[in-house]
Amino acid sequence: MTDITKLGIYLILIGFALVLIGTTISAQNANVGGLIMIGPLPIAFGTSPGITIIAMIIGLLLMLAYFMGRRNA
């Protein structure tokens, strides 16, 4: 492996560690949600109903964009 590749891998690992540390420090009253796309089908989840609804709306928009893109191709 070249030196630049090793440097890139180290920087990515340091970035992951910093994000992990930052989220554990500031996760007092955080609302968390996520969206998993399996093909064009969205699966939304969250810690509060508001976050879950926002994730589902984003998933539906992505699904719509997927089907519109396939229709024109």
N, C-alpha and C. Protein backbone atom coordinates (compact mmCIF):
# COMPACT_ATOMS: atom_id res chain seq x y z
N MET A 1 0.84 -1.18 0.00
CA MET A 1 0.00 0.00 0.00
C MET A 1 0.88 1.24 0.00
N THR A 2 0.44 2.23 -0.73
CA THR A 2 1.22 3.47 -0.77
C THR A 2 0.96 4.30 0.48
N ASP A 3 1.82 5.27 0.68
CA ASP A 3 1.70 6.12 1.86
C ASP A 3 0.41 6.95 1.82
N ILE A 4 0.01 7.39 0.65
CA ILE A 4 -1.19 8.22 0.56
C ILE A 4 -2.44 7.39 0.87
N THR A 5 -2.44 6.11 0.52
CA THR A 5 -3.57 5.24 0.85
C THR A 5 -3.66 5.01 2.34
N LYS A 6 -2.52 4.77 2.97
CA LYS A 6 -2.50 4.61 4.43
C LYS A 6 -2.98 5.87 5.13
N LEU A 7 -2.55 7.02 4.63
CA LEU A 7 -2.98 8.29 5.22
C LEU A 7 -4.49 8.46 5.09
N GLY A 8 -5.04 8.11 3.93
CA GLY A 8 -6.47 8.21 3.73
C GLY A 8 -7.25 7.31 4.67
N ILE A 9 -6.78 6.09 4.85
CA ILE A 9 -7.45 5.15 5.75
C ILE A 9 -7.39 5.65 7.19
N TYR A 10 -6.23 6.17 7.60
CA TYR A 10 -6.10 6.70 8.95
C TYR A 10 -7.03 7.90 9.17
N LEU A 11 -7.13 8.78 8.18
CA LEU A 11 -8.01 9.94 8.31
C LEU A 11 -9.47 9.54 8.41
N ILE A 12 -9.88 8.53 7.65
CA ILE A 12 -11.25 8.03 7.74
C ILE A 12 -11.52 7.44 9.12
N LEU A 13 -10.60 6.65 9.64
CA LEU A 13 -10.77 6.06 10.97
C LEU A 13 -10.81 7.13 12.05
N ILE A 14 -9.98 8.15 11.93
CA ILE A 14 -10.01 9.25 12.90
C ILE A 14 -11.33 9.99 12.80
N GLY A 15 -11.86 10.19 11.59
CA GLY A 15 -13.15 10.85 11.42
C GLY A 15 -14.27 10.06 12.06
N PHE A 16 -14.29 8.75 11.86
CA PHE A 16 -15.30 7.90 12.50
C PHE A 16 -15.22 8.00 14.02
N ALA A 17 -14.01 7.98 14.55
CA ALA A 17 -13.83 8.06 16.00
C ALA A 17 -14.33 9.40 16.54
N LEU A 18 -14.04 10.49 15.83
CA LEU A 18 -14.49 11.81 16.28
C LEU A 18 -16.02 11.92 16.23
N VAL A 19 -16.64 11.38 15.21
CA VAL A 19 -18.11 11.40 15.13
C VAL A 19 -18.70 10.57 16.26
N LEU A 20 -18.14 9.41 16.54
CA LEU A 20 -18.62 8.57 17.62
C LEU A 20 -18.48 9.27 18.97
N ILE A 21 -17.36 9.89 19.22
CA ILE A 21 -17.16 10.61 20.47
C ILE A 21 -18.12 11.79 20.58
N GLY A 22 -18.30 12.52 19.50
CA GLY A 22 -19.21 13.67 19.51
C GLY A 22 -20.65 13.28 19.76
N THR A 23 -21.09 12.17 19.18
CA THR A 23 -22.48 11.76 19.40
C THR A 23 -22.70 11.23 20.80
N THR A 24 -21.73 10.58 21.38
CA THR A 24 -21.92 10.08 22.74
C THR A 24 -21.90 11.21 23.76
N ILE A 25 -21.14 12.26 23.47
CA ILE A 25 -21.09 13.40 24.40
C ILE A 25 -22.37 14.22 24.33
N SER A 26 -22.91 14.44 23.13
CA SER A 26 -24.06 15.34 22.97
C SER A 26 -25.38 14.60 22.80
N ALA A 27 -25.48 13.35 23.17
CA ALA A 27 -26.70 12.58 22.95
C ALA A 27 -27.62 12.62 24.16
N GLN A 28 -27.78 13.77 24.78
CA GLN A 28 -28.64 13.87 25.95
C GLN A 28 -30.11 13.66 25.59
N ASN A 29 -30.66 14.53 24.77
CA ASN A 29 -32.07 14.45 24.38
C ASN A 29 -32.19 14.48 22.86
N ALA A 30 -31.45 13.66 22.20
CA ALA A 30 -31.43 13.67 20.74
C ALA A 30 -32.58 12.82 20.18
N ASN A 31 -33.19 13.33 19.12
CA ASN A 31 -34.15 12.54 18.36
C ASN A 31 -33.41 11.91 17.21
N VAL A 32 -33.52 10.62 17.08
CA VAL A 32 -32.77 9.89 16.08
C VAL A 32 -33.74 9.16 15.17
N GLY A 33 -33.44 9.16 13.88
CA GLY A 33 -34.25 8.44 12.93
C GLY A 33 -33.39 7.94 11.79
N GLY A 34 -33.94 7.03 11.04
CA GLY A 34 -33.17 6.49 9.93
C GLY A 34 -34.07 6.00 8.82
N LEU A 35 -33.46 5.74 7.70
CA LEU A 35 -34.18 5.28 6.53
C LEU A 35 -33.33 4.23 5.84
N ILE A 36 -33.93 3.09 5.60
CA ILE A 36 -33.25 2.01 4.88
C ILE A 36 -34.00 1.80 3.58
N MET A 37 -33.29 1.85 2.48
CA MET A 37 -33.91 1.62 1.18
C MET A 37 -33.51 0.22 0.70
N ILE A 38 -34.48 -0.65 0.54
CA ILE A 38 -34.25 -1.98 -0.02
C ILE A 38 -34.88 -1.95 -1.41
N GLY A 39 -34.00 -1.75 -2.39
CA GLY A 39 -34.51 -1.50 -3.73
C GLY A 39 -35.25 -0.17 -3.70
N PRO A 40 -36.46 -0.13 -4.21
CA PRO A 40 -37.21 1.13 -4.15
C PRO A 40 -38.09 1.25 -2.90
N LEU A 41 -38.08 0.26 -2.01
CA LEU A 41 -38.97 0.26 -0.86
C LEU A 41 -38.31 0.87 0.37
N PRO A 42 -38.91 1.93 0.93
CA PRO A 42 -38.32 2.56 2.11
C PRO A 42 -38.80 1.92 3.41
N ILE A 43 -37.90 1.81 4.37
CA ILE A 43 -38.23 1.38 5.73
C ILE A 43 -37.72 2.47 6.65
N ALA A 44 -38.66 3.15 7.34
CA ALA A 44 -38.29 4.27 8.20
C ALA A 44 -38.43 3.87 9.66
N PHE A 45 -37.56 4.43 10.50
CA PHE A 45 -37.63 4.21 11.93
C PHE A 45 -37.13 5.44 12.66
N GLY A 46 -37.52 5.59 13.91
CA GLY A 46 -37.09 6.74 14.67
C GLY A 46 -37.48 6.64 16.13
N THR A 47 -36.95 7.56 16.94
CA THR A 47 -37.23 7.56 18.36
C THR A 47 -38.48 8.37 18.70
N SER A 48 -38.96 9.17 17.76
CA SER A 48 -40.18 9.93 17.98
C SER A 48 -41.03 9.87 16.71
N PRO A 49 -42.34 10.04 16.85
CA PRO A 49 -43.19 9.98 15.66
C PRO A 49 -42.85 11.04 14.62
N GLY A 50 -42.45 12.23 15.05
CA GLY A 50 -42.11 13.28 14.10
C GLY A 50 -40.92 12.93 13.22
N ILE A 51 -39.88 12.40 13.84
CA ILE A 51 -38.69 12.00 13.08
C ILE A 51 -39.02 10.85 12.13
N THR A 52 -39.83 9.92 12.58
CA THR A 52 -40.21 8.79 11.73
C THR A 52 -41.01 9.26 10.52
N ILE A 53 -41.90 10.21 10.72
CA ILE A 53 -42.69 10.73 9.60
C ILE A 53 -41.80 11.46 8.60
N ILE A 54 -40.85 12.24 9.10
CA ILE A 54 -39.92 12.93 8.20
C ILE A 54 -39.10 11.93 7.39
N ALA A 55 -38.62 10.88 8.04
CA ALA A 55 -37.84 9.85 7.34
C ALA A 55 -38.70 9.15 6.30
N MET A 56 -39.97 8.90 6.62
CA MET A 56 -40.84 8.23 5.67
C MET A 56 -41.15 9.12 4.47
N ILE A 57 -41.32 10.41 4.70
CA ILE A 57 -41.55 11.34 3.59
C ILE A 57 -40.35 11.37 2.66
N ILE A 58 -39.15 11.42 3.24
CA ILE A 58 -37.94 11.39 2.43
C ILE A 58 -37.85 10.08 1.65
N GLY A 59 -38.20 8.97 2.30
CA GLY A 59 -38.19 7.68 1.61
C GLY A 59 -39.18 7.63 0.47
N LEU A 60 -40.37 8.17 0.67
CA LEU A 60 -41.36 8.18 -0.40
C LEU A 60 -40.91 9.06 -1.57
N LEU A 61 -40.27 10.19 -1.27
CA LEU A 61 -39.75 11.04 -2.34
C LEU A 61 -38.64 10.33 -3.12
N LEU A 62 -37.78 9.61 -2.41
CA LEU A 62 -36.73 8.85 -3.10
C LEU A 62 -37.33 7.73 -3.96
N MET A 63 -38.38 7.07 -3.44
CA MET A 63 -39.04 6.02 -4.20
C MET A 63 -39.69 6.60 -5.45
N LEU A 64 -40.33 7.75 -5.32
CA LEU A 64 -40.95 8.40 -6.47
C LEU A 64 -39.90 8.79 -7.51
N ALA A 65 -38.77 9.34 -7.05
CA ALA A 65 -37.70 9.70 -7.97
C ALA A 65 -37.14 8.47 -8.67
N TYR A 66 -37.05 7.37 -7.97
CA TYR A 66 -36.57 6.12 -8.58
C TYR A 66 -37.49 5.67 -9.69
N PHE A 67 -38.80 5.64 -9.40
CA PHE A 67 -39.75 5.18 -10.42
C PHE A 67 -39.85 6.15 -11.59
N MET A 68 -39.75 7.45 -11.34
CA MET A 68 -39.78 8.42 -12.43
C MET A 68 -38.54 8.28 -13.30
N GLY A 69 -37.40 8.02 -12.69
CA GLY A 69 -36.17 7.83 -13.46
C GLY A 69 -36.19 6.58 -14.30
N ARG A 70 -36.78 5.51 -13.77
CA ARG A 70 -36.86 4.26 -14.54
C ARG A 70 -37.86 4.35 -15.67
N ARG A 71 -38.92 5.17 -15.48
CA ARG A 71 -39.94 5.30 -16.52
C ARG A 71 -39.38 6.00 -17.75
N ASN A 72 -38.49 6.97 -17.55
CA ASN A 72 -37.93 7.73 -18.66
C ASN A 72 -36.77 7.03 -19.34
N ALA A 73 -36.21 6.03 -18.71
CA ALA A 73 -35.04 5.36 -19.28
C ALA A 73 -35.43 4.30 -20.28
